[in-house]
Amino acid sequence: MIRVLIQACLLTTVLHFTCANEKIVITGNDTMQFSTREFSVPAGKKVELEFKNVGKLPKIAMGHNLVILKEGVSALSFGAKVLQAGGNATNALPESVMEEVLAHTKLLGPGESETITFTAPEKAGAYQFVCTFPGHYAMMRGIMNVK
């Protein structure tokens, strides 16, 4: 009986670790800063990312999103590309630039949050993330390290 209980406990532990998602929480604020500039996730695993706009200014003036870019895409270059594609305060991520996006949240106003789930790339490396609200990309960017 004890052997069966031990096996059940071990199986439960193994299932927990193989099924558990990586949970990341990041905030953006009115000083155009992400709460973290770097985080790590395991390659090929499901990632749950909660993004919160903790600012007070109206969405039209200080909305935030979080856009994780595909391998090799520079946050600064991508931010400029978004502006050239017509990105603005109500459409901060035009459809024409989506081929370079791995995952993204919607544009959030003060007090809003969104949780997205995506699978981390299989290939280890540094993947940049950015806020694409006009002008924010110069300051609001960071790195997702895939290990």
Protein backbone atom coordinates (compact mmCIF):
# COMPACT_ATOMS: atom_id res chain seq x y z
CA MET A 1 0.00 0.00 0.00
CA ILE A 2 2.81 2.41 0.88
CA ARG A 3 4.53 1.58 -2.39
CA VAL A 4 1.36 2.47 -4.35
CA LEU A 5 1.07 5.79 -2.47
CA ILE A 6 4.70 6.65 -3.16
CA GLN A 7 4.26 5.84 -6.86
CA ALA A 8 1.12 7.99 -7.02
CA CYS A 9 2.96 10.89 -5.33
CA LEU A 10 5.88 10.59 -7.73
CA LEU A 11 3.57 10.47 -10.75
CA THR A 12 1.69 13.56 -9.52
CA THR A 13 4.99 15.41 -9.02
CA VAL A 14 6.23 14.49 -12.50
CA LEU A 15 2.94 15.54 -14.11
CA HIS A 16 3.00 18.85 -12.24
CA PHE A 17 6.46 19.74 -13.48
CA THR A 18 5.88 18.64 -17.07
CA CYS A 19 2.48 20.35 -17.41
CA ALA A 20 3.18 23.53 -15.49
CA ASN A 21 3.31 26.71 -17.56
CA GLU A 22 5.88 29.40 -17.01
CA LYS A 23 4.01 32.36 -15.44
CA ILE A 24 5.43 35.83 -16.04
CA VAL A 25 3.91 39.08 -14.73
CA ILE A 26 5.06 42.41 -16.20
CA THR A 27 3.65 45.90 -15.67
CA GLY A 28 3.93 49.13 -17.64
CA ASN A 29 3.60 52.61 -16.10
CA ASP A 30 3.19 56.31 -16.88
CA THR A 31 6.96 56.86 -16.96
CA MET A 32 7.17 54.52 -19.98
CA GLN A 33 8.91 51.71 -18.11
CA PHE A 34 8.33 47.96 -17.96
CA SER A 35 8.66 46.47 -14.48
CA THR A 36 11.25 44.05 -15.84
CA ARG A 37 13.69 44.43 -18.71
CA GLU A 38 14.59 40.75 -18.93
CA PHE A 39 13.04 37.37 -18.16
CA SER A 40 13.81 33.74 -19.02
CA VAL A 41 11.66 30.86 -20.23
CA PRO A 42 12.46 27.27 -21.18
CA ALA A 43 12.59 26.48 -24.90
CA GLY A 44 9.46 24.91 -26.34
CA LYS A 45 7.36 25.30 -23.19
CA LYS A 46 4.03 27.04 -22.74
CA VAL A 47 4.35 30.53 -21.28
CA GLU A 48 1.61 32.45 -19.53
CA LEU A 49 2.33 36.17 -19.52
CA GLU A 50 0.19 38.67 -17.63
CA PHE A 51 0.68 42.29 -18.62
CA LYS A 52 -0.81 45.14 -16.57
CA ASN A 53 -0.94 48.87 -17.26
CA VAL A 54 -0.50 50.28 -13.75
CA GLY A 55 -0.51 53.89 -14.94
CA LYS A 56 -3.20 56.52 -14.40
CA LEU A 57 -3.04 58.52 -17.64
CA PRO A 58 -5.74 57.91 -20.30
CA LYS A 59 -5.18 55.16 -22.86
CA ILE A 60 -5.18 57.66 -25.76
CA ALA A 61 -2.19 59.43 -24.16
CA MET A 62 -0.32 56.57 -22.42
CA GLY A 63 -1.60 53.19 -23.59
CA HIS A 64 0.77 50.22 -23.36
CA ASN A 65 1.09 46.84 -25.00
CA LEU A 66 3.76 44.16 -24.87
CA VAL A 67 4.94 42.70 -28.17
CA ILE A 68 7.44 39.81 -28.23
CA LEU A 69 9.39 39.76 -31.47
CA LYS A 70 10.69 36.85 -33.48
CA GLU A 71 14.36 35.92 -33.42
CA GLY A 72 16.69 38.57 -34.78
CA VAL A 73 14.13 41.39 -34.87
CA SER A 74 15.36 44.58 -33.17
CA ALA A 75 12.87 46.38 -30.91
CA LEU A 76 14.15 49.78 -32.07
CA SER A 77 13.89 48.90 -35.76
CA PHE A 78 10.49 47.31 -35.24
CA GLY A 79 9.17 50.39 -33.39
CA ALA A 80 10.21 52.59 -36.30
CA LYS A 81 8.62 50.14 -38.75
CA VAL A 82 5.34 50.29 -36.80
CA LEU A 83 5.28 54.08 -37.09
CA GLN A 84 6.03 53.90 -40.84
CA ALA A 85 3.18 51.41 -41.20
CA GLY A 86 0.76 53.90 -39.65
CA GLY A 87 0.87 52.77 -36.03
CA ASN A 88 -0.95 55.25 -33.80
CA ALA A 89 -2.60 55.67 -30.39
CA THR A 90 -5.64 53.62 -31.42
CA ASN A 91 -3.85 51.06 -33.61
CA ALA A 92 -0.43 50.55 -32.08
CA LEU A 93 0.25 47.27 -33.92
CA PRO A 94 -0.77 47.40 -37.60
CA GLU A 95 -1.53 44.10 -39.32
CA SER A 96 1.23 44.74 -41.90
CA VAL A 97 4.00 44.22 -39.28
CA MET A 98 2.63 41.06 -37.67
CA GLU A 99 4.97 38.69 -39.56
CA GLU A 100 7.73 39.73 -37.14
CA VAL A 101 5.67 39.14 -33.99
CA LEU A 102 5.86 36.02 -31.83
CA ALA A 103 3.14 37.04 -29.34
CA HIS A 104 1.45 40.23 -28.19
CA THR A 105 -1.10 41.78 -25.88
CA LYS A 106 -3.71 44.28 -26.91
CA LEU A 107 -3.23 47.97 -26.15
CA LEU A 108 -4.17 48.54 -22.50
CA GLY A 109 -5.42 51.61 -20.69
CA PRO A 110 -4.91 52.47 -17.00
CA GLY A 111 -5.80 49.63 -14.64
CA GLU A 112 -6.31 47.13 -17.46
CA SER A 113 -4.54 43.78 -17.75
CA GLU A 114 -4.38 40.91 -20.20
CA THR A 115 -2.99 37.41 -19.93
CA ILE A 116 -1.67 35.73 -23.05
CA THR A 117 -0.44 32.17 -23.50
CA PHE A 118 2.10 31.17 -26.13
CA THR A 119 4.72 28.51 -26.74
CA ALA A 120 8.31 29.68 -26.35
CA PRO A 121 10.47 29.10 -29.42
CA GLU A 122 12.34 25.81 -29.60
CA LYS A 123 15.54 27.68 -30.44
CA ALA A 124 17.42 29.16 -27.49
CA GLY A 125 18.33 32.81 -27.77
CA ALA A 126 17.45 36.39 -26.91
CA TYR A 127 14.07 37.57 -28.21
CA GLN A 128 13.29 41.26 -27.79
CA PHE A 129 10.00 42.68 -26.52
CA VAL A 130 8.66 46.21 -26.89
CA CYS A 131 5.70 48.55 -26.37
CA THR A 132 4.56 49.83 -29.76
CA PHE A 133 2.44 52.78 -28.59
CA PRO A 134 3.83 55.75 -30.60
CA GLY A 135 7.21 56.82 -29.25
CA HIS A 136 7.37 54.25 -26.43
CA TYR A 137 9.65 51.82 -28.25
CA ALA A 138 12.72 53.95 -27.47
CA MET A 139 12.37 53.25 -23.72
CA MET A 140 9.93 50.37 -23.24
CA ARG A 141 11.83 47.34 -24.42
CA GLY A 142 13.52 44.27 -23.04
CA ILE A 143 14.70 40.71 -23.63
CA MET A 144 13.01 37.33 -23.29
CA ASN A 145 15.79 34.77 -22.91
CA VAL A 146 14.86 31.34 -24.20
CA LYS A 147 17.00 28.63 -22.62
